[in-house]
Every structure is written in structure tokens, then in C-alpha cells.
Amino acid sequence: MGDSDHPNHPALARRLQDYLRWRNTNACHPDVLAAQRRERARIRSERQQRWGRPRTTTNAA
């Protein structure tokens, strides 16, 4: 199948179902995920860092 490592559609579908089953079994509670997002946002704000913007280094001359 194109650029896939799977030999055919049924094999791909099986792997997708396996992944979804694993993901649903190991899912975190939405409140935990929201708390993790808030903590990451707090850390980014302390560092004055925004998403998608690389850190710039200033060289004092």
C-alpha cells in the first residue's frame, strides 16, 4: 500500500484497531489532561515562551 509498511488494507485496519484499543485502554481522564495542559502553559509563561516560536539568543557585543 503506497508508502505504508502494511501489505494490504485488512492488515492496516487490524493495526489501527489494535492501536485504538490500546489508546482507549490507556486513556487519561479529561481533568488530568486539562491539568497537565495548564501546568505546561504556566511553565511556558514563566519562561516567556510561546508555541511555535524558537528561542532567540541575543549575543551581547
PDB file of N, CA and C in Angstrom:
ATOM      1  N   MET A   1       0.832  -1.186   0.000  1.00  0.00           N
ATOM      2  CA  MET A   1       0.000   0.000   0.000  1.00  0.00           C
ATOM      3  C   MET A   1       0.868   1.238   0.000  1.00  0.00           C
ATOM      4  N   GLY A   2       1.009   1.878  -1.083  1.00  0.00           N
ATOM      5  CA  GLY A   2       1.717   3.150  -1.171  1.00  0.00           C
ATOM      6  C   GLY A   2       3.004   3.190  -0.363  1.00  0.00           C
ATOM      7  N   ASP A   3       3.057   4.125   0.570  1.00  0.00           N
ATOM      8  CA  ASP A   3       4.244   4.281   1.412  1.00  0.00           C
ATOM      9  C   ASP A   3       4.054   3.631   2.775  1.00  0.00           C
ATOM     10  N   SER A   4       3.167   2.667   2.881  1.00  0.00           N
ATOM     11  CA  SER A   4       2.851   2.039   4.160  1.00  0.00           C
ATOM     12  C   SER A   4       3.694   0.790   4.367  1.00  0.00           C
ATOM     13  N   ASP A   5       3.875   0.439   5.632  1.00  0.00           N
ATOM     14  CA  ASP A   5       4.576  -0.803   5.955  1.00  0.00           C
ATOM     15  C   ASP A   5       3.627  -1.989   5.966  1.00  0.00           C
ATOM     16  N   HIS A   6       2.350  -1.751   5.704  1.00  0.00           N
ATOM     17  CA  HIS A   6       1.350  -2.808   5.769  1.00  0.00           C
ATOM     18  C   HIS A   6       1.107  -3.369   4.375  1.00  0.00           C
ATOM     19  N   PRO A   7       1.048  -4.679   4.254  1.00  0.00           N
ATOM     20  CA  PRO A   7       0.938  -5.300   2.932  1.00  0.00           C
ATOM     21  C   PRO A   7      -0.421  -5.100   2.262  1.00  0.00           C
ATOM     22  N   ASN A   8      -1.487  -4.895   3.044  1.00  0.00           N
ATOM     23  CA  ASN A   8      -2.814  -4.751   2.457  1.00  0.00           C
ATOM     24  C   ASN A   8      -3.743  -4.002   3.419  1.00  0.00           C
ATOM     25  N   HIS A   9      -4.950  -3.699   2.954  1.00  0.00           N
ATOM     26  CA  HIS A   9      -5.903  -2.943   3.763  1.00  0.00           C
ATOM     27  C   HIS A   9      -6.330  -3.682   5.032  1.00  0.00           C
ATOM     28  N   PRO A  10      -6.623  -4.973   4.971  1.00  0.00           N
ATOM     29  CA  PRO A  10      -7.017  -5.661   6.208  1.00  0.00           C
ATOM     30  C   PRO A  10      -5.925  -5.616   7.286  1.00  0.00           C
ATOM     31  N   ALA A  11      -4.678  -5.728   6.888  1.00  0.00           N
ATOM     32  CA  ALA A  11      -3.578  -5.657   7.857  1.00  0.00           C
ATOM     33  C   ALA A  11      -3.500  -4.264   8.471  1.00  0.00           C
ATOM     34  N   LEU A  12      -3.671  -3.245   7.643  1.00  0.00           N
ATOM     35  CA  LEU A  12      -3.666  -1.876   8.141  1.00  0.00           C
ATOM     36  C   LEU A  12      -4.830  -1.644   9.098  1.00  0.00           C
ATOM     37  N   ALA A  13      -6.009  -2.108   8.725  1.00  0.00           N
ATOM     38  CA  ALA A  13      -7.190  -1.942   9.570  1.00  0.00           C
ATOM     39  C   ALA A  13      -6.995  -2.651  10.911  1.00  0.00           C
ATOM     40  N   ARG A  14      -6.388  -3.830  10.897  1.00  0.00           N
ATOM     41  CA  ARG A  14      -6.114  -4.564  12.138  1.00  0.00           C
ATOM     42  C   ARG A  14      -5.188  -3.775  13.047  1.00  0.00           C
ATOM     43  N   ARG A  15      -4.131  -3.215  12.469  1.00  0.00           N
ATOM     44  CA  ARG A  15      -3.183  -2.423  13.270  1.00  0.00           C
ATOM     45  C   ARG A  15      -3.839  -1.175  13.838  1.00  0.00           C
ATOM     46  N   LEU A  16      -4.689  -0.514  13.045  1.00  0.00           N
ATOM     47  CA  LEU A  16      -5.398   0.664  13.536  1.00  0.00           C
ATOM     48  C   LEU A  16      -6.325   0.298  14.694  1.00  0.00           C
ATOM     49  N   GLN A  17      -7.057  -0.799  14.558  1.00  0.00           N
ATOM     50  CA  GLN A  17      -7.945  -1.237  15.629  1.00  0.00           C
ATOM     51  C   GLN A  17      -7.155  -1.591  16.888  1.00  0.00           C
ATOM     52  N   ASP A  18      -6.001  -2.239  16.719  1.00  0.00           N
ATOM     53  CA  ASP A  18      -5.142  -2.557  17.871  1.00  0.00           C
ATOM     54  C   ASP A  18      -4.698  -1.284  18.579  1.00  0.00           C
ATOM     55  N   TYR A  19      -4.300  -0.280  17.791  1.00  0.00           N
ATOM     56  CA  TYR A  19      -3.854   0.973  18.390  1.00  0.00           C
ATOM     57  C   TYR A  19      -4.997   1.662  19.128  1.00  0.00           C
ATOM     58  N   LEU A  20      -6.173   1.729  18.489  1.00  0.00           N
ATOM     59  CA  LEU A  20      -7.308   2.392  19.129  1.00  0.00           C
ATOM     60  C   LEU A  20      -7.713   1.673  20.412  1.00  0.00           C
ATOM     61  N   ARG A  21      -7.663   0.362  20.409  1.00  0.00           N
ATOM     62  CA  ARG A  21      -7.974  -0.407  21.614  1.00  0.00           C
ATOM     63  C   ARG A  21      -6.978  -0.082  22.712  1.00  0.00           C
ATOM     64  N   TRP A  22      -5.682  -0.021  22.361  1.00  0.00           N
ATOM     65  CA  TRP A  22      -4.648   0.313  23.350  1.00  0.00           C
ATOM     66  C   TRP A  22      -4.848   1.739  23.865  1.00  0.00           C
ATOM     67  N   ARG A  23      -5.105   2.673  22.944  1.00  0.00           N
ATOM     68  CA  ARG A  23      -5.268   4.072  23.349  1.00  0.00           C
ATOM     69  C   ARG A  23      -6.449   4.236  24.286  1.00  0.00           C
ATOM     70  N   ASN A  24      -7.560   3.587  23.990  1.00  0.00           N
ATOM     71  CA  ASN A  24      -8.736   3.695  24.839  1.00  0.00           C
ATOM     72  C   ASN A  24      -8.509   3.035  26.197  1.00  0.00           C
ATOM     73  N   THR A  25      -7.752   1.965  26.235  1.00  0.00           N
ATOM     74  CA  THR A  25      -7.448   1.296  27.498  1.00  0.00           C
ATOM     75  C   THR A  25      -6.548   2.157  28.363  1.00  0.00           C
ATOM     76  N   ASN A  26      -5.614   2.878  27.749  1.00  0.00           N
ATOM     77  CA  ASN A  26      -4.632   3.668  28.487  1.00  0.00           C
ATOM     78  C   ASN A  26      -4.942   5.166  28.494  1.00  0.00           C
ATOM     79  N   ALA A  27      -6.195   5.508  28.243  1.00  0.00           N
ATOM     80  CA  ALA A  27      -6.573   6.923  28.175  1.00  0.00           C
ATOM     81  C   ALA A  27      -6.530   7.559  29.566  1.00  0.00           C
ATOM     82  N   CYS A  28      -6.173   8.837  29.597  1.00  0.00           N
ATOM     83  CA  CYS A  28      -6.191   9.606  30.839  1.00  0.00           C
ATOM     84  C   CYS A  28      -7.543  10.292  30.980  1.00  0.00           C
ATOM     85  N   HIS A  29      -7.901  10.579  32.201  1.00  0.00           N
ATOM     86  CA  HIS A  29      -9.147  11.298  32.476  1.00  0.00           C
ATOM     87  C   HIS A  29      -9.025  12.721  31.915  1.00  0.00           C
ATOM     88  N   PRO A  30     -10.079  13.275  31.341  1.00  0.00           N
ATOM     89  CA  PRO A  30     -10.014  14.628  30.760  1.00  0.00           C
ATOM     90  C   PRO A  30      -9.550  15.685  31.758  1.00  0.00           C
ATOM     91  N   ASP A  31      -9.915  15.543  33.021  1.00  0.00           N
ATOM     92  CA  ASP A  31      -9.480  16.522  34.026  1.00  0.00           C
ATOM     93  C   ASP A  31      -7.969  16.467  34.225  1.00  0.00           C
ATOM     94  N   VAL A  32      -7.394  15.267  34.151  1.00  0.00           N
ATOM     95  CA  VAL A  32      -5.939  15.121  34.280  1.00  0.00           C
ATOM     96  C   VAL A  32      -5.250  15.777  33.089  1.00  0.00           C
ATOM     97  N   LEU A  33      -5.782  15.540  31.899  1.00  0.00           N
ATOM     98  CA  LEU A  33      -5.195  16.142  30.704  1.00  0.00           C
ATOM     99  C   LEU A  33      -5.273  17.663  30.764  1.00  0.00           C
ATOM    100  N   ALA A  34      -6.404  18.203  31.232  1.00  0.00           N
ATOM    101  CA  ALA A  34      -6.562  19.656  31.344  1.00  0.00           C
ATOM    102  C   ALA A  34      -5.567  20.221  32.352  1.00  0.00           C
ATOM    103  N   ALA A  35      -5.360  19.525  33.469  1.00  0.00           N
ATOM    104  CA  ALA A  35      -4.396  19.985  34.476  1.00  0.00           C
ATOM    105  C   ALA A  35      -2.984  19.973  33.910  1.00  0.00           C
ATOM    106  N   GLN A  36      -2.653  18.955  33.117  1.00  0.00           N
ATOM    107  CA  GLN A  36      -1.322  18.894  32.500  1.00  0.00           C
ATOM    108  C   GLN A  36      -1.136  20.044  31.527  1.00  0.00           C
ATOM    109  N   ARG A  37      -2.169  20.369  30.730  1.00  0.00           N
ATOM    110  CA  ARG A  37      -2.078  21.494  29.798  1.00  0.00           C
ATOM    111  C   ARG A  37      -1.880  22.807  30.540  1.00  0.00           C
ATOM    112  N   ARG A  38      -2.627  22.997  31.633  1.00  0.00           N
ATOM    113  CA  ARG A  38      -2.482  24.228  32.417  1.00  0.00           C
ATOM    114  C   ARG A  38      -1.071  24.348  32.987  1.00  0.00           C
ATOM    115  N   GLU A  39      -0.513  23.237  33.477  1.00  0.00           N
ATOM    116  CA  GLU A  39       0.837  23.266  34.044  1.00  0.00           C
ATOM    117  C   GLU A  39       1.865  23.603  32.963  1.00  0.00           C
ATOM    118  N   ARG A  40       1.723  23.004  31.783  1.00  0.00           N
ATOM    119  CA  ARG A  40       2.656  23.322  30.694  1.00  0.00           C
ATOM    120  C   ARG A  40       2.542  24.788  30.303  1.00  0.00           C
ATOM    121  N   ALA A  41       1.310  25.318  30.268  1.00  0.00           N
ATOM    122  CA  ALA A  41       1.112  26.729  29.928  1.00  0.00           C
ATOM    123  C   ALA A  41       1.745  27.623  30.988  1.00  0.00           C
ATOM    124  N   ARG A  42       1.616  27.247  32.259  1.00  0.00           N
ATOM    125  CA  ARG A  42       2.220  28.034  33.334  1.00  0.00           C
ATOM    126  C   ARG A  42       3.740  28.068  33.189  1.00  0.00           C
ATOM    127  N   ILE A  43       4.336  26.942  32.884  1.00  0.00           N
ATOM    128  CA  ILE A  43       5.796  26.871  32.723  1.00  0.00           C
ATOM    129  C   ILE A  43       6.228  27.712  31.533  1.00  0.00           C
ATOM    130  N   ARG A  44       5.471  27.615  30.416  1.00  0.00           N
ATOM    131  CA  ARG A  44       5.817  28.414  29.238  1.00  0.00           C
ATOM    132  C   ARG A  44       5.723  29.900  29.545  1.00  0.00           C
ATOM    133  N   SER A  45       4.701  30.301  30.315  1.00  0.00           N
ATOM    134  CA  SER A  45       4.555  31.725  30.608  1.00  0.00           C
ATOM    135  C   SER A  45       5.680  32.199  31.518  1.00  0.00           C
ATOM    136  N   GLU A  46       6.134  31.345  32.439  1.00  0.00           N
ATOM    137  CA  GLU A  46       7.270  31.724  33.285  1.00  0.00           C
ATOM    138  C   GLU A  46       8.531  31.930  32.457  1.00  0.00           C
ATOM    139  N   ARG A  47       8.669  31.127  31.439  1.00  0.00           N
ATOM    140  CA  ARG A  47       9.845  31.236  30.560  1.00  0.00           C
ATOM    141  C   ARG A  47       9.634  32.287  29.483  1.00  0.00           C
ATOM    142  N   GLN A  48       8.442  32.864  29.438  1.00  0.00           N
ATOM    143  CA  GLN A  48       8.051  33.818  28.397  1.00  0.00           C
ATOM    144  C   GLN A  48       8.272  33.209  27.015  1.00  0.00           C
ATOM    145  N   GLN A  49       7.813  31.984  26.872  1.00  0.00           N
ATOM    146  CA  GLN A  49       7.987  31.240  25.631  1.00  0.00           C
ATOM    147  C   GLN A  49       6.607  30.908  25.069  1.00  0.00           C
ATOM    148  N   ARG A  50       6.422  31.117  23.780  1.00  0.00           N
ATOM    149  CA  ARG A  50       5.158  30.801  23.140  1.00  0.00           C
ATOM    150  C   ARG A  50       5.331  29.616  22.220  1.00  0.00           C
ATOM    151  N   TRP A  51       4.206  28.957  21.910  1.00  0.00           N
ATOM    152  CA  TRP A  51       4.243  27.836  20.974  1.00  0.00           C
ATOM    153  C   TRP A  51       4.688  28.309  19.606  1.00  0.00           C
ATOM    154  N   GLY A  52       5.480  27.485  18.925  1.00  0.00           N
ATOM    155  CA  GLY A  52       5.831  27.742  17.537  1.00  0.00           C
ATOM    156  C   GLY A  52       6.890  28.799  17.329  1.00  0.00           C
ATOM    157  N   ARG A  53       7.380  29.388  18.389  1.00  0.00           N
ATOM    158  CA  ARG A  53       8.422  30.396  18.230  1.00  0.00           C
ATOM    159  C   ARG A  53       9.708  29.883  18.846  1.00  0.00           C
ATOM    160  N   PRO A  54      10.747  29.706  18.033  1.00  0.00           N
ATOM    161  CA  PRO A  54      12.018  29.232  18.599  1.00  0.00           C
ATOM    162  C   PRO A  54      12.619  30.265  19.526  1.00  0.00           C
ATOM    163  N   ARG A  55      13.338  29.790  20.489  1.00  0.00           N
ATOM    164  CA  ARG A  55      14.012  30.702  21.394  1.00  0.00           C
ATOM    165  C   ARG A  55      15.089  31.457  20.656  1.00  0.00           C
ATOM    166  N   THR A  56      15.142  32.745  20.888  1.00  0.00           N
ATOM    167  CA  THR A  56      16.170  33.542  20.251  1.00  0.00           C
ATOM    168  C   THR A  56      17.252  33.818  21.280  1.00  0.00           C
ATOM    169  N   THR A  57      18.472  33.721  20.829  1.00  0.00           N
ATOM    170  CA  THR A  57      19.596  34.024  21.712  1.00  0.00           C
ATOM    171  C   THR A  57      20.197  35.341  21.259  1.00  0.00           C
ATOM    172  N   THR A  58      20.401  36.213  22.210  1.00  0.00           N
ATOM    173  CA  THR A  58      20.993  37.507  21.878  1.00  0.00           C
ATOM    174  C   THR A  58      22.444  37.490  22.314  1.00  0.00           C
ATOM    175  N   ASN A  59      23.290  37.871  21.422  1.00  0.00           N
ATOM    176  CA  ASN A  59      24.723  37.928  21.703  1.00  0.00           C
ATOM    177  C   ASN A  59      25.108  39.377  21.979  1.00  0.00           C
ATOM    178  N   ALA A  60      25.525  39.626  23.185  1.00  0.00           N
ATOM    179  CA  ALA A  60      25.949  40.992  23.535  1.00  0.00           C
ATOM    180  C   ALA A  60      27.327  41.237  22.937  1.00  0.00           C
ATOM    181  N   ALA A  61      27.465  42.367  22.281  1.00  0.00           N
ATOM    182  CA  ALA A  61      28.731  42.672  21.639  1.00  0.00           C
ATOM    183  C   ALA A  61      29.603  43.519  22.506  1.00  0.00           C
TER     184      ALA A  61
END
